[in-house]
């Protein structure tokens, strides 16, 4: 697959995830020959048999700035995006992956999500097991494993945003682009991983631990601790929302700029 780089979105705060991620990548994708960019701030990482370059972007002020700084070090036009806690759990289907990349190139797509986007109803068939998003709405942008034009993904992740703001407002920004975004059907997914990720808000999702240990991943799980799913009160939700209120306001202002033609999406 020419002109494609595996871009693993991470930061130094997730250093403990690097070994299990690449251990499982090597285990379930032993013939991976793509150049690999691991997004880091100051640290570097290597794994035998994999061509990994650590970006060492320096300490950035936000997820969005770290993400953009890492992309600047990608030399190919296209990336295969995977988040650091999307631990691959089964053999990668190389045929499905090559088919997906061929479709991405042939159809001149901006993005091809490699998991079925079940929440999107406004889609039209494009090719066998591939659907094209056909209108604006929620969930148009996500950080699920996907093939992206490097130039296209930048508009969905603003410098001040965290991943959750990017997914929320990136989906809304899609309306003001001419981007062609598609997704594969479940039966054609090349990667099998937990779509929620193995972490939530920096803590392990406890239900994933037995699966990871069965695959040979043994870590000090208590160091990060486990996320507890619980219903937040109104006061707790407001307090949580206030932490990113300024960033959210900037994303809303940017969206208004797009709506009234004061800003370009590109």
Protein backbone atom coordinates (compact mmCIF):
# COMPACT_ATOMS: atom_id res chain seq x y z
CA UNK A 1 0.00 0.00 0.00
CA UNK A 2 1.88 2.98 -1.34
CA UNK A 3 1.70 6.52 -0.02
CA UNK A 4 0.26 5.36 3.32
CA UNK A 5 1.60 5.71 6.88
CA UNK A 6 0.24 4.08 10.03
CA UNK A 7 -0.30 7.03 12.37
CA UNK A 8 -0.71 6.00 16.02
CA UNK A 9 -2.17 8.89 17.98
CA UNK A 10 -0.72 9.03 21.48
CA UNK A 11 1.29 11.16 23.91
CA UNK A 12 3.87 10.54 26.62
CA UNK A 13 1.10 10.18 29.19
CA UNK A 14 0.17 6.89 27.50
CA UNK A 15 3.68 5.44 27.49
CA UNK A 16 2.48 2.37 29.39
CA UNK A 17 0.22 1.54 26.44
CA UNK A 18 2.96 1.53 23.82
CA UNK A 19 4.35 -1.91 24.50
CA UNK A 20 0.98 -3.73 24.65
CA UNK A 21 -0.26 -1.88 21.56
CA UNK A 22 2.72 -2.82 19.42
CA UNK A 23 3.01 -6.29 20.96
CA UNK A 24 -0.54 -7.02 19.78
CA UNK A 25 0.02 -5.25 16.45
CA UNK A 26 3.04 -7.45 15.78
CA UNK A 27 1.17 -10.55 16.97
CA UNK A 28 -1.89 -10.01 14.80
CA UNK A 29 -0.30 -8.17 11.88
CA UNK A 30 3.14 -9.79 11.55
CA UNK A 31 3.64 -8.70 7.94
CA UNK A 32 2.89 -5.02 8.54
CA UNK A 33 5.34 -3.17 6.31
CA UNK A 34 3.90 0.33 6.59
CA UNK A 35 6.04 3.10 8.02
CA UNK A 36 4.72 3.79 11.51
CA UNK A 37 4.52 7.18 13.19
CA UNK A 38 3.99 7.07 16.97
CA UNK A 39 2.94 10.49 18.20
CA UNK A 40 4.95 11.37 21.31
CA UNK A 41 6.14 14.51 23.06
CA UNK A 42 9.67 13.81 24.37
CA UNK A 43 10.02 10.03 24.51
CA UNK A 44 10.75 7.44 21.85
CA UNK A 45 9.85 3.78 21.43
CA UNK A 46 11.02 0.86 19.33
CA UNK A 47 9.70 -2.64 18.77
CA UNK A 48 11.59 -5.36 16.94
CA UNK A 49 10.27 -5.98 13.44
CA UNK A 50 8.34 -2.71 13.20
CA UNK A 51 9.48 0.49 11.48
CA UNK A 52 8.47 2.99 14.18
CA UNK A 53 9.36 6.67 14.22
CA UNK A 54 8.55 8.64 17.37
CA UNK A 55 7.58 12.23 16.62
CA UNK A 56 8.84 13.86 19.84
CA UNK A 57 6.79 16.98 19.11
CA UNK A 58 7.70 18.71 22.35
CA UNK A 59 5.19 19.55 25.05
CA UNK A 60 2.06 20.99 23.45
CA UNK A 61 -0.82 22.80 25.11
CA UNK A 62 -3.57 20.50 23.87
CA UNK A 63 -4.42 17.23 22.19
CA UNK A 64 -5.18 19.09 18.95
CA UNK A 65 -1.80 20.80 18.82
CA UNK A 66 0.00 17.51 19.55
CA UNK A 67 -2.04 15.80 16.84
CA UNK A 68 -1.21 18.46 14.24
CA UNK A 69 2.48 18.54 15.20
CA UNK A 70 2.66 14.79 14.70
CA UNK A 71 0.94 14.94 11.32
CA UNK A 72 3.57 17.41 10.14
CA UNK A 73 6.12 14.59 10.37
CA UNK A 74 4.14 12.25 8.10
CA UNK A 75 5.71 12.21 4.64
CA UNK A 76 2.87 10.39 2.83
CA UNK A 77 -0.37 11.95 1.59
CA UNK A 78 -2.53 9.38 3.39
CA UNK A 79 -2.61 7.95 6.90
CA UNK A 80 -4.08 4.89 8.55
CA UNK A 81 -5.21 6.37 11.85
CA UNK A 82 -5.38 4.24 15.01
CA UNK A 83 -5.64 5.53 18.58
CA UNK A 84 -3.17 4.11 21.09
CA UNK A 85 -5.77 2.27 23.20
CA UNK A 86 -7.35 0.47 20.23
CA UNK A 87 -5.60 -2.79 21.00
CA UNK A 88 -5.99 -5.23 18.12
CA UNK A 89 -7.54 -8.45 19.41
CA UNK A 90 -7.61 -10.73 16.34
CA UNK A 91 -5.70 -11.34 13.13
CA UNK A 92 -5.76 -8.38 10.75
CA UNK A 93 -7.51 -9.23 7.51
CA UNK A 94 -4.98 -8.03 4.94
CA UNK A 95 -7.32 -8.67 2.01
CA UNK A 96 -10.01 -6.44 3.52
CA UNK A 97 -7.45 -3.75 4.30
CA UNK A 98 -6.03 -3.74 0.77
CA UNK A 99 -9.55 -3.69 -0.69
CA UNK A 100 -10.41 -0.74 1.55
CA UNK A 101 -7.33 1.20 0.48
CA UNK A 102 -8.02 0.50 -3.18
CA UNK A 103 -11.56 1.80 -2.73
CA UNK A 104 -10.22 4.87 -0.92
CA UNK A 105 -7.95 5.66 -3.88
CA UNK A 106 -10.37 4.74 -6.67
CA UNK A 107 -13.30 6.68 -5.20
CA UNK A 108 -11.14 9.67 -4.30
CA UNK A 109 -12.35 9.61 -0.72
CA UNK A 110 -11.25 11.94 2.03
CA UNK A 111 -11.79 9.24 4.62
CA UNK A 112 -12.79 5.60 4.79
CA UNK A 113 -13.72 4.46 8.28
CA UNK A 114 -12.69 0.85 8.82
CA UNK A 115 -15.58 0.05 11.16
CA UNK A 116 -19.27 0.15 10.36
CA UNK A 117 -20.76 3.49 11.38
CA UNK A 118 -24.05 2.10 12.59
CA UNK A 119 -25.35 5.42 13.93
CA UNK A 120 -25.33 7.00 10.47
CA UNK A 121 -28.55 6.40 8.55
CA UNK A 122 -27.93 8.93 5.76
CA UNK A 123 -25.66 6.79 3.59
CA UNK A 124 -25.73 5.40 0.07
CA UNK A 125 -24.03 2.26 -1.29
CA UNK A 126 -20.70 3.04 -2.95
CA UNK A 127 -19.17 -0.39 -3.55
CA UNK A 128 -19.65 -3.84 -2.06
CA UNK A 129 -19.58 -3.44 1.73
CA UNK A 130 -18.80 0.28 1.48
CA UNK A 131 -21.27 3.12 2.08
CA UNK A 132 -20.87 6.84 1.43
CA UNK A 133 -22.10 9.35 4.02
CA UNK A 134 -24.71 11.35 2.15
CA UNK A 135 -25.66 14.24 4.38
CA UNK A 136 -24.84 16.28 7.50
CA UNK A 137 -25.58 15.07 11.00
CA UNK A 138 -24.02 13.66 14.12
CA UNK A 139 -21.13 11.17 14.25
CA UNK A 140 -19.71 12.16 10.85
CA UNK A 141 -16.27 12.36 12.37
CA UNK A 142 -14.74 9.96 14.87
CA UNK A 143 -11.33 8.66 15.86
CA UNK A 144 -12.19 5.08 14.94
CA UNK A 145 -9.59 3.29 12.80
CA UNK A 146 -9.75 4.87 9.35
CA UNK A 147 -7.82 5.75 6.24
CA UNK A 148 -7.58 9.52 5.83
CA UNK A 149 -6.11 12.07 3.50
CA UNK A 150 -3.67 13.87 5.76
CA UNK A 151 -4.83 17.20 4.40
CA UNK A 152 -8.49 16.39 5.10
CA UNK A 153 -8.32 15.21 8.71
CA UNK A 154 -6.70 18.45 9.86
CA UNK A 155 -9.95 20.38 9.53
CA UNK A 156 -11.74 18.01 11.91
CA UNK A 157 -9.24 18.45 14.75
CA UNK A 158 -8.70 22.06 15.78
CA UNK A 159 -5.63 23.03 17.75
CA UNK A 160 -7.45 23.83 20.99
CA UNK A 161 -9.65 20.72 21.03
CA UNK A 162 -9.52 17.47 22.97
CA UNK A 163 -10.70 14.24 21.28
CA UNK A 164 -14.28 14.58 22.50
CA UNK A 165 -14.67 18.15 21.26
CA UNK A 166 -13.13 17.16 17.92
CA UNK A 167 -15.60 14.32 17.47
CA UNK A 168 -18.57 16.50 18.44
CA UNK A 169 -17.71 19.67 16.52
CA UNK A 170 -15.77 17.92 13.76
CA UNK A 171 -18.99 16.10 12.94
CA UNK A 172 -20.79 19.44 12.74
CA UNK A 173 -18.01 20.98 10.62
CA UNK A 174 -18.49 18.22 8.05
CA UNK A 175 -21.63 20.04 6.86
CA UNK A 176 -19.48 22.89 5.52
CA UNK A 177 -17.06 20.72 3.57
CA UNK A 178 -17.25 18.87 0.29
CA UNK A 179 -15.48 15.87 1.80
CA UNK A 180 -16.32 12.35 0.73
CA UNK A 181 -16.43 10.17 3.85
CA UNK A 182 -17.36 6.51 3.67
CA UNK A 183 -17.32 3.46 5.90
CA UNK A 184 -17.05 -0.30 5.49
CA UNK A 185 -19.70 -2.80 6.56
CA UNK A 186 -19.09 -4.95 9.62
CA UNK A 187 -18.36 -7.99 7.47
CA UNK A 188 -15.48 -6.12 5.77
CA UNK A 189 -13.76 -4.69 8.85
CA UNK A 190 -10.02 -5.47 8.65
CA UNK A 191 -9.34 -4.77 12.35
CA UNK A 192 -11.05 -6.24 15.38
CA UNK A 193 -10.68 -4.15 18.51
CA UNK A 194 -12.87 -2.72 21.25
CA UNK A 195 -14.46 0.32 19.63
CA UNK A 196 -14.68 2.20 22.93
CA UNK A 197 -10.94 1.71 23.42
CA UNK A 198 -9.36 -0.05 26.38
CA UNK A 199 -9.24 3.24 28.32
CA UNK A 200 -11.83 5.80 29.28
CA UNK A 201 -10.78 9.15 30.74
CA UNK A 202 -7.32 7.72 31.32
CA UNK A 203 -8.43 4.64 33.25
CA UNK A 204 -8.74 1.02 32.20
CA UNK A 205 -12.10 -0.41 31.24
CA UNK A 206 -12.12 -3.36 33.61
CA UNK A 207 -14.02 -5.69 31.27
CA UNK A 208 -11.12 -5.64 28.77
CA UNK A 209 -8.46 -6.85 31.22
CA UNK A 210 -9.21 -10.61 31.05
CA UNK A 211 -9.05 -10.48 27.24
CA UNK A 212 -5.75 -8.62 27.27
CA UNK A 213 -4.21 -10.98 29.83
CA UNK A 214 -5.34 -13.97 27.79
CA UNK A 215 -3.46 -12.46 24.83
CA UNK A 216 -0.29 -12.13 26.90
CA UNK A 217 -0.54 -8.51 28.05
CA UNK A 218 0.34 -8.22 31.73
CA UNK A 219 0.56 -4.76 33.28
CA UNK A 220 0.16 -3.14 36.66
CA UNK A 221 -3.49 -2.34 36.05
CA UNK A 222 -3.84 -0.66 39.45
CA UNK A 223 -1.39 2.07 38.44
CA UNK A 224 -3.96 3.71 36.19
CA UNK A 225 -6.90 2.27 38.01
CA UNK A 226 -10.26 1.29 36.59
CA UNK A 227 -12.98 3.51 35.22
CA UNK A 228 -16.26 3.27 37.09
CA UNK A 229 -19.32 3.77 34.95
CA UNK A 230 -21.77 5.83 36.95
CA UNK A 231 -24.62 8.26 36.40
CA UNK A 232 -23.56 11.84 37.02
CA UNK A 233 -25.84 14.28 38.75
CA UNK A 234 -26.72 17.56 37.04
CA UNK A 235 -24.24 19.40 39.25
CA UNK A 236 -21.48 16.92 38.38
CA UNK A 237 -22.22 17.22 34.66
CA UNK A 238 -22.07 21.01 34.87
CA UNK A 239 -18.78 20.88 36.77
CA UNK A 240 -17.31 18.51 34.21
CA UNK A 241 -18.51 20.67 31.33
CA UNK A 242 -16.98 23.80 32.85
CA UNK A 243 -13.49 22.30 32.56
CA UNK A 244 -13.61 22.66 28.79
CA UNK A 245 -16.04 25.59 28.55
CA UNK A 246 -13.52 27.96 26.93
CA UNK A 247 -12.42 25.36 24.37
CA UNK A 248 -16.03 24.52 23.59
CA UNK A 249 -16.83 28.21 23.10
CA UNK A 250 -13.96 28.50 20.61
CA UNK A 251 -15.28 25.48 18.68
CA UNK A 252 -18.77 27.00 18.60
CA UNK A 253 -17.39 30.33 17.39
CA UNK A 254 -15.44 28.54 14.66
CA UNK A 255 -18.63 26.74 13.61
CA UNK A 256 -20.48 30.06 13.35
CA UNK A 257 -17.65 31.38 11.21
CA UNK A 258 -18.13 28.46 8.83
CA UNK A 259 -21.90 28.90 8.79
CA UNK A 260 -21.75 32.56 7.79
CA UNK A 261 -18.87 32.19 5.37
CA UNK A 262 -16.36 34.05 7.51
CA UNK A 263 -14.06 31.04 7.67
CA UNK A 264 -13.05 28.37 5.19
CA UNK A 265 -13.24 24.73 6.29
CA UNK A 266 -9.92 23.99 4.56
